[in-house]
């Protein structure tokens, strides 16, 4: 199992919803992370197994896929609305903790794989 797959598998529902929210931020270019971190978090999103989200319905994955493949201002507006809805539930403080936790878990998983 790769390090990213291990980190992804260990996420609870809240963590998975956070990973989807970060993917939304990356997809609409509102994320402030560098390219390496963006790549890491998109790999995390891509490694998520299906789950019952508290925040999103299944159509969110289609929206992210469409935003990645055919970006447009119209899509970015739809993504922004979903992202803002999620952040109202998750909060910025919890999102920062989630990202720090993922970074730490990824480093540990790399060295124990």
C-alpha atoms as a PDB file:
ATOM      1  CA  UNK A   1       0.000   0.000   0.000  1.00  0.00           C
ATOM      2  CA  UNK A   2       1.388   3.417  -0.926  1.00  0.00           C
ATOM      3  CA  UNK A   3       1.781   6.138   1.671  1.00  0.00           C
ATOM      4  CA  UNK A   4      -1.023   8.196   0.148  1.00  0.00           C
ATOM      5  CA  UNK A   5      -3.340   5.154   0.050  1.00  0.00           C
ATOM      6  CA  UNK A   6      -2.566   4.482   3.728  1.00  0.00           C
ATOM      7  CA  UNK A   7      -3.341   8.077   4.729  1.00  0.00           C
ATOM      8  CA  UNK A   8      -6.518   8.030   2.654  1.00  0.00           C
ATOM      9  CA  UNK A   9      -7.692   4.730   4.138  1.00  0.00           C
ATOM     10  CA  UNK A  10      -7.165   6.061   7.671  1.00  0.00           C
ATOM     11  CA  UNK A  11      -9.409   9.123   7.179  1.00  0.00           C
ATOM     12  CA  UNK A  12     -12.762   9.208   8.918  1.00  0.00           C
ATOM     13  CA  UNK A  13     -15.851  10.738   7.305  1.00  0.00           C
ATOM     14  CA  UNK A  14     -14.958  14.240   8.498  1.00  0.00           C
ATOM     15  CA  UNK A  15     -11.439  13.865   7.103  1.00  0.00           C
ATOM     16  CA  UNK A  16     -12.792  12.652   3.780  1.00  0.00           C
ATOM     17  CA  UNK A  17     -15.133  15.647   3.606  1.00  0.00           C
ATOM     18  CA  UNK A  18     -12.125  17.868   4.329  1.00  0.00           C
ATOM     19  CA  UNK A  19     -10.177  16.151   1.524  1.00  0.00           C
ATOM     20  CA  UNK A  20     -13.042  16.811  -0.903  1.00  0.00           C
ATOM     21  CA  UNK A  21     -13.163  20.450   0.214  1.00  0.00           C
ATOM     22  CA  UNK A  22      -9.422  20.863  -0.377  1.00  0.00           C
ATOM     23  CA  UNK A  23      -9.893  19.291  -3.820  1.00  0.00           C
ATOM     24  CA  UNK A  24     -12.562  21.914  -4.539  1.00  0.00           C
ATOM     25  CA  UNK A  25     -10.178  24.691  -3.484  1.00  0.00           C
ATOM     26  CA  UNK A  26      -7.421  23.304  -5.690  1.00  0.00           C
ATOM     27  CA  UNK A  27      -9.759  22.793  -8.638  1.00  0.00           C
ATOM     28  CA  UNK A  28     -11.017  26.389  -8.621  1.00  0.00           C
ATOM     29  CA  UNK A  29      -7.521  27.805  -7.952  1.00  0.00           C
ATOM     30  CA  UNK A  30      -8.483  29.384  -4.620  1.00  0.00           C
ATOM     31  CA  UNK A  31      -5.973  27.229  -2.728  1.00  0.00           C
ATOM     32  CA  UNK A  32      -2.810  28.955  -1.491  1.00  0.00           C
ATOM     33  CA  UNK A  33      -0.661  25.813  -1.269  1.00  0.00           C
ATOM     34  CA  UNK A  34       2.393  25.359  -3.470  1.00  0.00           C
ATOM     35  CA  UNK A  35       2.283  22.945  -6.415  1.00  0.00           C
ATOM     36  CA  UNK A  36       3.850  20.078  -4.471  1.00  0.00           C
ATOM     37  CA  UNK A  37       1.241  20.331  -1.722  1.00  0.00           C
ATOM     38  CA  UNK A  38      -1.561  20.685  -4.275  1.00  0.00           C
ATOM     39  CA  UNK A  39      -0.381  17.502  -5.963  1.00  0.00           C
ATOM     40  CA  UNK A  40      -0.253  15.670  -2.617  1.00  0.00           C
ATOM     41  CA  UNK A  41      -3.785  16.676  -1.660  1.00  0.00           C
ATOM     42  CA  UNK A  42      -5.191  15.858  -5.112  1.00  0.00           C
ATOM     43  CA  UNK A  43      -3.568  12.421  -4.850  1.00  0.00           C
ATOM     44  CA  UNK A  44      -5.265  12.073  -1.475  1.00  0.00           C
ATOM     45  CA  UNK A  45      -8.606  13.026  -3.026  1.00  0.00           C
ATOM     46  CA  UNK A  46      -8.054  10.592  -5.900  1.00  0.00           C
ATOM     47  CA  UNK A  47      -7.314   7.787  -3.418  1.00  0.00           C
ATOM     48  CA  UNK A  48     -10.553   8.238  -1.449  1.00  0.00           C
ATOM     49  CA  UNK A  49     -12.808   5.233  -1.454  1.00  0.00           C
ATOM     50  CA  UNK A  50     -16.580   5.772  -1.713  1.00  0.00           C
ATOM     51  CA  UNK A  51     -18.144   6.883   1.570  1.00  0.00           C
ATOM     52  CA  UNK A  52     -21.264   8.472   3.054  1.00  0.00           C
ATOM     53  CA  UNK A  53     -20.547  12.186   3.186  1.00  0.00           C
ATOM     54  CA  UNK A  54     -22.083  14.468   5.767  1.00  0.00           C
ATOM     55  CA  UNK A  55     -21.511  17.540   3.588  1.00  0.00           C
ATOM     56  CA  UNK A  56     -21.691  16.500  -0.078  1.00  0.00           C
ATOM     57  CA  UNK A  57     -23.806  14.383  -2.374  1.00  0.00           C
ATOM     58  CA  UNK A  58     -22.279  12.148  -5.047  1.00  0.00           C
ATOM     59  CA  UNK A  59     -22.491  14.881  -7.715  1.00  0.00           C
ATOM     60  CA  UNK A  60     -19.544  16.673  -6.082  1.00  0.00           C
ATOM     61  CA  UNK A  61     -17.147  14.210  -7.696  1.00  0.00           C
ATOM     62  CA  UNK A  62     -18.583  14.963 -11.131  1.00  0.00           C
ATOM     63  CA  UNK A  63     -18.158  18.684 -10.451  1.00  0.00           C
ATOM     64  CA  UNK A  64     -14.501  18.235  -9.451  1.00  0.00           C
ATOM     65  CA  UNK A  65     -13.838  15.985 -12.450  1.00  0.00           C
ATOM     66  CA  UNK A  66     -15.450  18.509 -14.789  1.00  0.00           C
ATOM     67  CA  UNK A  67     -13.474  21.360 -13.199  1.00  0.00           C
ATOM     68  CA  UNK A  68     -10.224  19.451 -13.658  1.00  0.00           C
ATOM     69  CA  UNK A  69     -10.947  18.474 -17.259  1.00  0.00           C
ATOM     70  CA  UNK A  70     -12.787  21.532 -18.605  1.00  0.00           C
ATOM     71  CA  UNK A  71     -12.261  24.511 -16.289  1.00  0.00           C
ATOM     72  CA  UNK A  72     -14.488  27.534 -16.823  1.00  0.00           C
ATOM     73  CA  UNK A  73     -15.727  30.535 -14.880  1.00  0.00           C
ATOM     74  CA  UNK A  74     -19.196  28.980 -14.685  1.00  0.00           C
ATOM     75  CA  UNK A  75     -17.776  25.813 -13.131  1.00  0.00           C
ATOM     76  CA  UNK A  76     -15.594  27.823 -10.782  1.00  0.00           C
ATOM     77  CA  UNK A  77     -18.697  29.622  -9.511  1.00  0.00           C
ATOM     78  CA  UNK A  78     -20.450  26.300  -8.844  1.00  0.00           C
ATOM     79  CA  UNK A  79     -17.329  24.968  -7.133  1.00  0.00           C
ATOM     80  CA  UNK A  80     -17.031  28.117  -5.046  1.00  0.00           C
ATOM     81  CA  UNK A  81     -20.607  27.720  -3.778  1.00  0.00           C
ATOM     82  CA  UNK A  82     -19.962  24.094  -2.770  1.00  0.00           C
ATOM     83  CA  UNK A  83     -16.643  25.027  -1.162  1.00  0.00           C
ATOM     84  CA  UNK A  84     -18.172  27.868   0.846  1.00  0.00           C
ATOM     85  CA  UNK A  85     -21.034  25.636   2.003  1.00  0.00           C
ATOM     86  CA  UNK A  86     -18.525  23.032   3.173  1.00  0.00           C
ATOM     87  CA  UNK A  87     -16.284  25.560   4.918  1.00  0.00           C
ATOM     88  CA  UNK A  88     -19.253  26.902   6.879  1.00  0.00           C
ATOM     89  CA  UNK A  89     -19.583  23.412   8.356  1.00  0.00           C
ATOM     90  CA  UNK A  90     -15.906  22.468   8.613  1.00  0.00           C
ATOM     91  CA  UNK A  91     -14.463  25.864   9.715  1.00  0.00           C
ATOM     92  CA  UNK A  92     -11.081  27.277   8.783  1.00  0.00           C
ATOM     93  CA  UNK A  93      -9.482  26.226  12.066  1.00  0.00           C
ATOM     94  CA  UNK A  94     -10.454  22.570  11.633  1.00  0.00           C
ATOM     95  CA  UNK A  95      -9.345  22.655   7.994  1.00  0.00           C
ATOM     96  CA  UNK A  96      -5.886  23.876   9.023  1.00  0.00           C
ATOM     97  CA  UNK A  97      -5.660  21.079  11.580  1.00  0.00           C
ATOM     98  CA  UNK A  98      -6.747  18.551   8.961  1.00  0.00           C
ATOM     99  CA  UNK A  99      -4.081  19.664   6.470  1.00  0.00           C
ATOM    100  CA  UNK A 100      -1.355  19.589   9.122  1.00  0.00           C
ATOM    101  CA  UNK A 101      -2.493  16.133  10.210  1.00  0.00           C
ATOM    102  CA  UNK A 102      -2.417  14.825   6.639  1.00  0.00           C
ATOM    103  CA  UNK A 103       1.074  16.195   6.078  1.00  0.00           C
ATOM    104  CA  UNK A 104       2.315  14.542   9.256  1.00  0.00           C
ATOM    105  CA  UNK A 105       0.545  11.256   8.521  1.00  0.00           C
ATOM    106  CA  UNK A 106       1.975  11.221   5.020  1.00  0.00           C
ATOM    107  CA  UNK A 107       5.525  11.668   6.312  1.00  0.00           C
ATOM    108  CA  UNK A 108       5.065   8.866   8.821  1.00  0.00           C
ATOM    109  CA  UNK A 109       3.484   6.587   6.203  1.00  0.00           C
ATOM    110  CA  UNK A 110       6.408   7.209   3.832  1.00  0.00           C
ATOM    111  CA  UNK A 111       8.921   6.026   6.381  1.00  0.00           C
ATOM    112  CA  UNK A 112       6.938   3.034   7.598  1.00  0.00           C
ATOM    113  CA  UNK A 113       5.900   1.737   4.169  1.00  0.00           C
END
